Amino acid sequence: MGNYNVNENGYYGNFGGAYIPEILYGNVERLRNSYLELMKESSFREEFSSLLHDYAGRPTALYFARRLSGKYGAKIYLKREDLNHTGAHKITNALGQVLLARRMGKTRIIAETGAGQHGVATATVCALFGMKCLVYMGKLDVERQHLNVQKMKMLGAEVIPVTGGNMTLKDATNDAIRDWCCNPSDTFYVIGSTIGPHPYPDMVARLQSVISAEIKRQLEEKEGRDYPDYLLACVGGGSNAAGAFYHYLDNEKVQFLVAEAAGKGVDTDMSAATIQLGREGIIHGCRTLIMQNEDGQIEEPYSISAGLDYPGVGPIHAFMAREGRSQVFAVTDEEALEAAFELTALEGIIPALESSHALGILRKQQFKKEDIVVINLSGRGDKDMSTYVQYI
């Protein structure tokens, strides 16, 4: 049995670490030295728990999808992260990080966003606490996630369209890091996924681990055991998957099935299937798998899903895939869209495009009728309605 948690140096095997400019060293080192202690403080735990329950709406439901189960011949449950305030799991991480930022005396919050869910969540928490918030978002994502942009602005955040590169999540992250370098003293960068320099991947995974803690309790109540046979989630940076997997990392009875965005196909130049297509390299402060050319230049990814349109992957997911702990599926745009419409027709639930990639695994994996399958439904589809309407 392997150890899939981060080690004391911030690595998952060869992946992780902190590769940062000198100007950010003090900020990151202070966070590294304090995040675990701050998160253990009773005042932090009490405030975080209270906000998750009373404000975010946790615990989210674990719903038995009867008709979906009938079609695929297994006991399929949906972990309904789409029912969280702001419509995704992102609010959990945003609440936790902003609470940490306040304890560290930071007054200015910056974030990056692709699909807009993390941006909305961060803007929401900043409105709650009366803090200044800037959200960097690729210009292409601003256009295709118009509703979330309007939400962020209504919540008082300044949304900054990024016009460099492919004008998507990678480029938004680049500009957010530049901002952080220019304003290290008063600014806290709320990273939205299990990516970035240590301790961010571990910190985000710990904050999101409430997902797997809830699944354990809910399955015990519903099935008389606290673990599934299969746990499915989509992965871009991978925070929803890291949270859903966290308390099962060392339980070899649980098989992790991961969906990454294949775009138009892994055999085309329009894909974001980083685990399958990537090579080791450094991006946004950590060593992980990255889509890159022979010269080491980052290849621009593509996915219909703004939240999965990223050329890297969280180091924990790179490590688990390399070690064989997770099985990775490349789900195309078309397959994700078909899965979204199928869930809507069978269960009356419209999923986010990101979550639809996880649902796309169902057609690729054979299950037995007694298998307990949990799919982490990371977000709801309101933000993606224009894409769904075009598909119709």
Protein backbone atom coordinates (compact mmCIF):
# COMPACT_ATOMS: atom_id res chain seq x y z
CA MET A 1 0.00 0.00 0.00
CA GLY A 2 1.47 3.34 -1.04
CA ASN A 3 1.40 6.69 0.72
CA TYR A 4 -0.48 9.12 -1.47
CA ASN A 5 -0.37 12.14 0.83
CA VAL A 6 2.15 14.93 0.44
CA ASN A 7 5.53 14.46 2.15
CA GLU A 8 7.23 16.97 4.44
CA ASN A 9 8.97 18.61 1.48
CA GLY A 10 5.74 19.18 -0.42
CA TYR A 11 6.05 16.33 -2.92
CA TYR A 12 3.87 13.46 -4.08
CA GLY A 13 6.63 11.19 -5.36
CA ASN A 14 8.40 13.32 -7.98
CA PHE A 15 5.48 15.72 -8.31
CA GLY A 16 4.77 18.91 -6.36
CA GLY A 17 7.26 21.20 -4.65
CA ALA A 18 7.39 24.99 -4.70
CA TYR A 19 9.02 26.65 -7.70
CA ILE A 20 8.43 30.34 -7.08
CA PRO A 21 10.01 33.76 -7.66
CA GLU A 22 12.12 35.09 -4.79
CA ILE A 23 9.62 37.87 -4.10
CA LEU A 24 6.96 35.29 -3.16
CA TYR A 25 9.22 33.12 -1.04
CA GLY A 26 8.35 34.81 2.26
CA ASN A 27 4.61 34.61 1.60
CA VAL A 28 4.63 30.96 0.58
CA GLU A 29 7.04 29.93 3.34
CA ARG A 30 4.90 31.63 5.98
CA LEU A 31 1.83 29.85 4.68
CA ARG A 32 3.69 26.53 4.57
CA ASN A 33 4.79 26.94 8.17
CA SER A 34 1.41 27.99 9.49
CA TYR A 35 -1.44 26.43 7.48
CA LEU A 36 -1.64 23.15 9.36
CA GLU A 37 -1.52 24.80 12.77
CA LEU A 38 -4.09 27.42 11.79
CA MET A 39 -6.42 24.74 10.43
CA LYS A 40 -6.11 22.78 13.68
CA GLU A 41 -7.10 25.75 15.86
CA SER A 42 -10.49 25.24 17.48
CA SER A 43 -11.61 28.75 16.50
CA PHE A 44 -10.82 28.06 12.83
CA ARG A 45 -12.52 24.65 12.88
CA GLU A 46 -15.62 26.02 14.57
CA GLU A 47 -15.98 29.01 12.22
CA PHE A 48 -15.26 26.91 9.12
CA SER A 49 -17.70 24.19 10.18
CA SER A 50 -20.40 26.71 11.00
CA LEU A 51 -20.04 28.46 7.65
CA LEU A 52 -20.07 25.18 5.74
CA HIS A 53 -23.29 24.15 7.45
CA ASP A 54 -25.20 27.42 7.73
CA TYR A 55 -23.90 29.34 4.71
CA ALA A 56 -22.67 26.85 2.10
CA GLY A 57 -25.37 24.25 2.77
CA ARG A 58 -23.28 21.25 3.78
CA PRO A 59 -23.53 18.34 4.06
CA THR A 60 -24.57 17.93 0.44
CA ALA A 61 -26.86 15.02 -0.39
CA LEU A 62 -25.70 11.59 -1.49
CA TYR A 63 -28.46 10.74 -3.93
CA PHE A 64 -29.26 7.23 -5.20
CA ALA A 65 -29.78 7.64 -8.95
CA ARG A 66 -32.34 4.90 -9.51
CA ARG A 67 -32.86 5.23 -13.26
CA LEU A 68 -29.18 5.79 -13.99
CA SER A 69 -28.42 2.70 -11.88
CA GLY A 70 -30.93 0.68 -13.87
CA LYS A 71 -29.30 1.64 -17.15
CA TYR A 72 -25.71 0.85 -16.13
CA GLY A 73 -26.37 -2.15 -13.88
CA ALA A 74 -24.86 -0.94 -10.62
CA LYS A 75 -25.82 1.02 -7.50
CA ILE A 76 -24.97 4.55 -8.60
CA TYR A 77 -24.95 7.43 -6.15
CA LEU A 78 -24.38 11.09 -6.97
CA LYS A 79 -22.53 13.23 -4.45
CA ARG A 80 -24.53 16.42 -4.99
CA GLU A 81 -21.85 19.13 -4.82
CA ASP A 82 -24.05 21.01 -7.27
CA LEU A 83 -26.35 21.79 -4.33
CA ASN A 84 -23.75 23.92 -2.57
CA HIS A 85 -24.22 27.70 -2.38
CA THR A 86 -22.82 29.12 -5.66
CA GLY A 87 -23.45 25.79 -7.41
CA ALA A 88 -20.24 23.80 -6.93
CA HIS A 89 -17.71 22.41 -4.49
CA LYS A 90 -15.60 25.57 -4.92
CA ILE A 91 -17.28 27.45 -2.06
CA THR A 92 -15.73 25.05 0.48
CA ASN A 93 -12.18 25.88 -0.55
CA ALA A 94 -12.89 29.61 -0.89
CA LEU A 95 -14.33 29.82 2.63
CA GLY A 96 -11.36 27.96 4.09
CA GLN A 97 -8.68 29.97 2.30
CA VAL A 98 -10.23 33.36 3.03
CA LEU A 99 -10.50 32.40 6.71
CA LEU A 100 -6.78 31.59 6.61
CA ALA A 101 -6.04 34.86 4.80
CA ARG A 102 -7.82 36.87 7.51
CA ARG A 103 -5.83 35.09 10.22
CA MET A 104 -2.64 35.99 8.37
CA GLY A 105 -3.59 39.67 8.21
CA LYS A 106 -4.16 39.81 4.43
CA THR A 107 -6.69 42.37 3.20
CA ARG A 108 -6.70 41.86 -0.58
CA ILE A 109 -7.83 38.64 -2.28
CA ILE A 110 -6.99 37.58 -5.82
CA ALA A 111 -8.12 34.46 -7.68
CA GLU A 112 -8.06 32.85 -11.09
CA THR A 113 -11.04 31.16 -12.69
CA GLY A 114 -11.88 29.17 -15.81
CA ALA A 115 -15.52 28.09 -15.69
CA GLY A 116 -16.17 30.91 -13.24
CA GLN A 117 -17.26 28.69 -10.36
CA HIS A 118 -14.14 29.37 -8.28
CA GLY A 119 -14.33 33.05 -9.15
CA VAL A 120 -17.95 33.26 -8.05
CA ALA A 121 -17.18 31.34 -4.85
CA THR A 122 -14.25 33.61 -3.99
CA ALA A 123 -16.23 36.77 -4.80
CA THR A 124 -19.05 35.44 -2.64
CA VAL A 125 -16.81 34.90 0.38
CA CYS A 126 -15.15 38.29 -0.08
CA ALA A 127 -18.59 39.94 -0.14
CA LEU A 128 -19.45 38.05 3.04
CA PHE A 129 -16.35 39.36 4.82
CA GLY A 130 -16.15 42.77 3.16
CA MET A 131 -12.79 42.14 1.47
CA LYS A 132 -11.42 43.48 -1.80
CA CYS A 133 -11.49 40.83 -4.54
CA LEU A 134 -9.92 40.67 -8.01
CA VAL A 135 -10.60 37.72 -10.31
CA TYR A 136 -8.46 36.96 -13.36
CA MET A 137 -10.29 35.19 -16.16
CA GLY A 138 -9.30 34.43 -19.74
CA LYS A 139 -11.12 36.59 -22.29
CA LEU A 140 -12.47 33.47 -24.04
CA ASP A 141 -13.87 32.20 -20.74
CA VAL A 142 -15.37 35.61 -20.00
CA GLU A 143 -17.34 35.27 -23.22
CA ARG A 144 -18.46 31.66 -22.76
CA GLN A 145 -19.21 32.03 -19.02
CA HIS A 146 -21.04 35.37 -19.20
CA LEU A 147 -23.50 34.56 -16.43
CA ASN A 148 -20.76 33.82 -13.89
CA VAL A 149 -18.95 37.03 -14.86
CA GLN A 150 -22.10 39.02 -14.11
CA LYS A 151 -22.46 37.23 -10.77
CA MET A 152 -18.90 38.13 -9.78
CA LYS A 153 -19.44 41.77 -10.67
CA MET A 154 -22.72 41.89 -8.75
CA LEU A 155 -20.87 40.45 -5.75
CA GLY A 156 -18.44 43.36 -5.90
CA ALA A 157 -15.42 41.65 -7.46
CA GLU A 158 -13.33 43.21 -10.21
CA VAL A 159 -13.14 40.76 -13.12
CA ILE A 160 -10.01 41.23 -15.20
CA PRO A 161 -10.16 39.68 -18.72
CA VAL A 162 -6.82 38.16 -19.73
CA THR A 163 -5.92 38.50 -23.40
CA GLY A 164 -2.58 36.67 -23.49
CA GLY A 165 -1.99 33.16 -24.80
CA ASN A 166 -5.10 31.09 -25.39
CA MET A 167 -7.12 33.46 -23.18
CA THR A 168 -8.22 30.62 -20.89
CA LEU A 169 -7.41 29.25 -17.42
CA LYS A 170 -3.64 28.89 -17.85
CA ASP A 171 -3.35 32.51 -18.89
CA ALA A 172 -5.60 33.73 -16.07
CA THR A 173 -3.34 31.90 -13.62
CA ASN A 174 -0.25 33.50 -15.17
CA ASP A 175 -1.66 36.99 -14.63
CA ALA A 176 -2.85 36.22 -11.11
CA ILE A 177 0.69 35.14 -10.19
CA ARG A 178 2.09 38.34 -11.70
CA ASP A 179 -0.31 40.36 -9.54
CA TRP A 180 0.75 38.39 -6.47
CA CYS A 181 4.42 39.14 -7.24
CA CYS A 182 3.62 42.85 -7.41
CA ASN A 183 1.57 42.90 -4.20
CA PRO A 184 3.08 40.33 -1.85
CA SER A 185 2.54 42.14 1.45
CA ASP A 186 -1.25 42.59 1.56
CA THR A 187 -2.45 40.01 -1.00
CA PHE A 188 -3.55 36.42 -0.54
CA TYR A 189 -3.89 34.31 -3.68
CA VAL A 190 -6.86 31.95 -3.33
CA ILE A 191 -5.88 29.17 -5.73
CA GLY A 192 -8.92 27.27 -6.92
CA SER A 193 -7.53 23.77 -7.32
CA THR A 194 -4.90 21.28 -6.16
CA ILE A 195 -2.25 23.05 -8.21
CA GLY A 196 0.38 25.68 -7.45
CA PRO A 197 3.37 25.74 -5.09
CA HIS A 198 3.30 23.72 -1.88
CA PRO A 199 1.35 24.01 0.39
CA TYR A 200 -1.54 24.87 -1.95
CA PRO A 201 -2.21 21.38 -3.39
CA ASP A 202 -2.28 19.83 0.09
CA MET A 203 -4.17 22.74 1.66
CA VAL A 204 -6.90 22.67 -1.00
CA ALA A 205 -7.19 18.87 -0.76
CA ARG A 206 -7.57 19.10 3.03
CA LEU A 207 -10.23 21.80 2.78
CA GLN A 208 -12.16 19.82 0.16
CA SER A 209 -11.76 16.55 2.08
CA VAL A 210 -15.09 17.32 3.73
CA ILE A 211 -16.55 15.72 0.57
CA SER A 212 -15.10 12.27 1.29
CA ALA A 213 -15.80 12.61 5.01
CA GLU A 214 -19.47 13.14 4.18
CA ILE A 215 -19.51 10.26 1.68
CA LYS A 216 -18.19 7.91 4.37
CA ARG A 217 -20.94 8.86 6.82
CA GLN A 218 -23.67 8.83 4.18
CA LEU A 219 -22.73 5.45 2.69
CA GLU A 220 -22.58 3.91 6.17
CA GLU A 221 -26.15 5.07 6.69
CA LYS A 222 -27.42 3.97 3.28
CA GLU A 223 -25.42 0.81 2.58
CA GLY A 224 -24.08 -0.32 5.96
CA ARG A 225 -20.48 0.29 4.90
CA ASP A 226 -18.55 3.52 4.54
CA TYR A 227 -16.81 3.03 1.19
CA PRO A 228 -17.83 2.53 -2.46
CA ASP A 229 -16.34 0.08 -4.91
CA TYR A 230 -15.78 2.86 -7.43
CA LEU A 231 -15.39 6.60 -6.96
CA LEU A 232 -15.61 8.75 -10.11
CA ALA A 233 -14.59 12.38 -10.58
CA CYS A 234 -13.39 14.76 -13.27
CA VAL A 235 -9.88 16.19 -13.12
CA GLY A 236 -8.46 19.42 -14.47
CA GLY A 237 -6.49 20.87 -11.59
CA GLY A 238 -8.42 18.31 -9.58
CA SER A 239 -9.79 19.80 -6.35
CA ASN A 240 -13.16 18.06 -6.47
CA ALA A 241 -11.48 14.70 -7.11
CA ALA A 242 -8.86 15.26 -4.40
CA GLY A 243 -11.61 16.06 -1.91
CA ALA A 244 -13.72 13.05 -2.89
CA PHE A 245 -10.71 10.69 -2.76
CA TYR A 246 -8.98 12.07 0.34
CA HIS A 247 -10.28 9.76 3.07
CA TYR A 248 -10.06 6.74 0.75
CA LEU A 249 -6.49 7.20 -0.46
CA ASP A 250 -5.19 4.23 1.55
CA ASN A 251 -8.31 2.07 1.11
CA GLU A 252 -7.36 -0.20 -1.77
CA LYS A 253 -10.94 -1.54 -1.90
CA VAL A 254 -11.96 1.77 -3.49
CA GLN A 255 -11.07 2.17 -7.15
CA PHE A 256 -10.61 5.73 -8.38
CA LEU A 257 -11.84 6.42 -11.91
CA VAL A 258 -10.72 9.80 -13.23
CA ALA A 259 -12.07 11.66 -16.26
CA GLU A 260 -9.96 14.21 -18.05
CA ALA A 261 -11.05 16.32 -20.99
CA ALA A 262 -10.14 14.74 -24.32
CA GLY A 263 -11.68 17.64 -26.25
CA LYS A 264 -11.94 16.61 -29.90
CA GLY A 265 -9.86 13.49 -29.13
CA VAL A 266 -6.44 12.58 -27.78
CA ASP A 267 -5.25 11.93 -31.33
CA THR A 268 -5.98 15.55 -32.34
CA ASP A 269 -4.32 18.83 -31.44
CA MET A 270 -7.49 19.92 -29.61
CA SER A 271 -7.38 18.13 -26.26
CA ALA A 272 -6.75 18.77 -22.57
CA ALA A 273 -5.98 15.15 -21.61
CA THR A 274 -2.87 16.10 -19.65
CA ILE A 275 -2.29 12.81 -17.84
CA GLN A 276 -2.37 10.86 -21.08
CA LEU A 277 -0.57 13.39 -23.27
CA GLY A 278 1.65 15.30 -20.82
CA ARG A 279 5.27 15.06 -19.77
CA GLU A 280 6.92 16.12 -16.51
CA GLY A 281 7.61 19.80 -16.17
CA ILE A 282 6.98 22.86 -14.03
CA ILE A 283 3.89 25.03 -14.27
CA HIS A 284 2.46 27.61 -11.89
CA GLY A 285 4.82 26.75 -9.07
CA CYS A 286 4.83 22.94 -9.06
CA ARG A 287 6.27 19.95 -10.90
CA THR A 288 3.58 17.89 -12.56
CA LEU A 289 2.48 16.52 -15.92
CA ILE A 290 2.14 19.23 -18.55
CA MET A 291 1.10 19.31 -22.18
CA GLN A 292 4.26 20.56 -23.90
CA ASN A 293 6.13 20.30 -27.18
CA GLU A 294 9.58 18.81 -27.75
CA ASP A 295 11.19 22.13 -26.79
CA GLY A 296 9.35 22.21 -23.46
CA GLN A 297 6.96 24.99 -24.50
CA ILE A 298 3.45 24.61 -23.13
CA GLU A 299 0.92 23.38 -25.66
CA GLU A 300 -2.41 25.19 -25.60
CA PRO A 301 -5.12 22.83 -24.35
CA TYR A 302 -8.67 22.65 -25.60
CA SER A 303 -11.91 21.51 -23.99
CA ILE A 304 -15.54 22.48 -24.32
CA SER A 305 -15.40 22.75 -20.52
CA ALA A 306 -13.77 25.96 -19.30
CA GLY A 307 -12.97 24.36 -15.95
CA LEU A 308 -10.96 21.51 -17.54
CA ASP A 309 -9.24 23.60 -20.22
CA TYR A 310 -5.83 23.50 -18.50
CA PRO A 311 -2.46 22.15 -19.72
CA GLY A 312 -1.42 20.74 -16.32
CA VAL A 313 -2.91 18.59 -13.58
CA GLY A 314 -2.68 18.60 -9.80
CA PRO A 315 0.51 16.81 -8.64
CA ILE A 316 -1.47 14.40 -6.46
CA HIS A 317 -3.36 13.21 -9.55
CA ALA A 318 -0.20 12.95 -11.63
CA PHE A 319 1.31 10.80 -8.87
CA MET A 320 -1.71 8.55 -8.40
CA ALA A 321 -1.98 7.95 -12.15
CA ARG A 322 1.75 7.21 -12.40
CA GLU A 323 1.50 4.77 -9.48
CA GLY A 324 -1.62 3.07 -10.87
CA ARG A 325 -3.78 4.18 -7.94
CA SER A 326 -6.23 5.86 -10.31
CA GLN A 327 -7.51 4.75 -13.70
CA VAL A 328 -7.71 7.62 -16.16
CA PHE A 329 -10.29 7.98 -18.92
CA ALA A 330 -10.15 10.57 -21.70
CA VAL A 331 -13.72 11.82 -22.26
CA THR A 332 -14.40 13.86 -25.40
CA ASP A 333 -16.63 16.92 -25.73
CA GLU A 334 -19.24 14.82 -27.49
CA GLU A 335 -19.21 12.11 -24.83
CA ALA A 336 -19.52 14.68 -22.05
CA LEU A 337 -22.45 16.38 -23.76
CA GLU A 338 -24.22 13.06 -24.28
CA ALA A 339 -23.69 12.19 -20.60
CA ALA A 340 -25.10 15.56 -19.53
CA PHE A 341 -28.29 15.09 -21.54
CA GLU A 342 -28.61 11.52 -20.33
CA LEU A 343 -28.47 12.53 -16.65
CA THR A 344 -30.94 15.32 -17.28
CA ALA A 345 -33.38 12.97 -19.00
CA LEU A 346 -33.07 10.14 -16.47
CA GLU A 347 -32.76 12.00 -13.17
CA GLY A 348 -33.89 15.58 -13.77
CA ILE A 349 -30.46 16.97 -12.85
CA ILE A 350 -28.57 19.27 -15.22
CA PRO A 351 -24.84 18.88 -14.47
CA ALA A 352 -21.95 21.23 -15.13
CA LEU A 353 -19.87 20.35 -18.18
CA GLU A 354 -16.98 19.48 -15.86
CA SER A 355 -19.10 16.94 -13.98
CA SER A 356 -20.43 15.59 -17.29
CA HIS A 357 -16.95 14.30 -18.05
CA ALA A 358 -17.07 12.15 -14.90
CA LEU A 359 -20.49 10.88 -15.98
CA GLY A 360 -18.94 9.98 -19.33
CA ILE A 361 -16.95 7.21 -17.62
CA LEU A 362 -20.13 5.17 -17.15
CA ARG A 363 -20.12 4.16 -20.82
CA LYS A 364 -16.46 3.13 -20.67
CA GLN A 365 -16.36 0.94 -17.56
CA GLN A 366 -18.16 -2.34 -16.89
CA PHE A 367 -19.79 -2.68 -13.46
CA LYS A 368 -21.41 -5.55 -11.60
CA LYS A 369 -24.94 -5.13 -10.28
CA GLU A 370 -23.76 -5.24 -6.66
CA ASP A 371 -21.08 -2.57 -7.20
CA ILE A 372 -21.52 0.66 -5.27
CA VAL A 373 -20.50 3.56 -7.50
CA VAL A 374 -20.24 7.16 -6.30
CA ILE A 375 -19.91 9.96 -8.85
CA ASN A 376 -18.79 13.31 -7.53
CA LEU A 377 -21.21 15.71 -9.26
CA SER A 378 -18.96 18.71 -8.77
CA GLY A 379 -21.23 21.45 -10.13
CA ARG A 380 -24.58 22.35 -11.65
CA GLY A 381 -25.19 23.26 -15.25
CA ASP A 382 -26.70 26.76 -15.03
CA LYS A 383 -23.46 28.33 -16.24
CA ASP A 384 -23.31 25.98 -19.25
CA MET A 385 -26.83 26.43 -20.58
CA SER A 386 -25.71 28.42 -23.62
CA THR A 387 -23.43 25.53 -24.63
CA TYR A 388 -26.19 22.99 -24.05
CA VAL A 389 -28.64 25.06 -26.09
CA GLN A 390 -26.16 25.23 -28.99
CA TYR A 391 -25.76 21.44 -28.81
CA ILE A 392 -29.53 20.96 -29.02
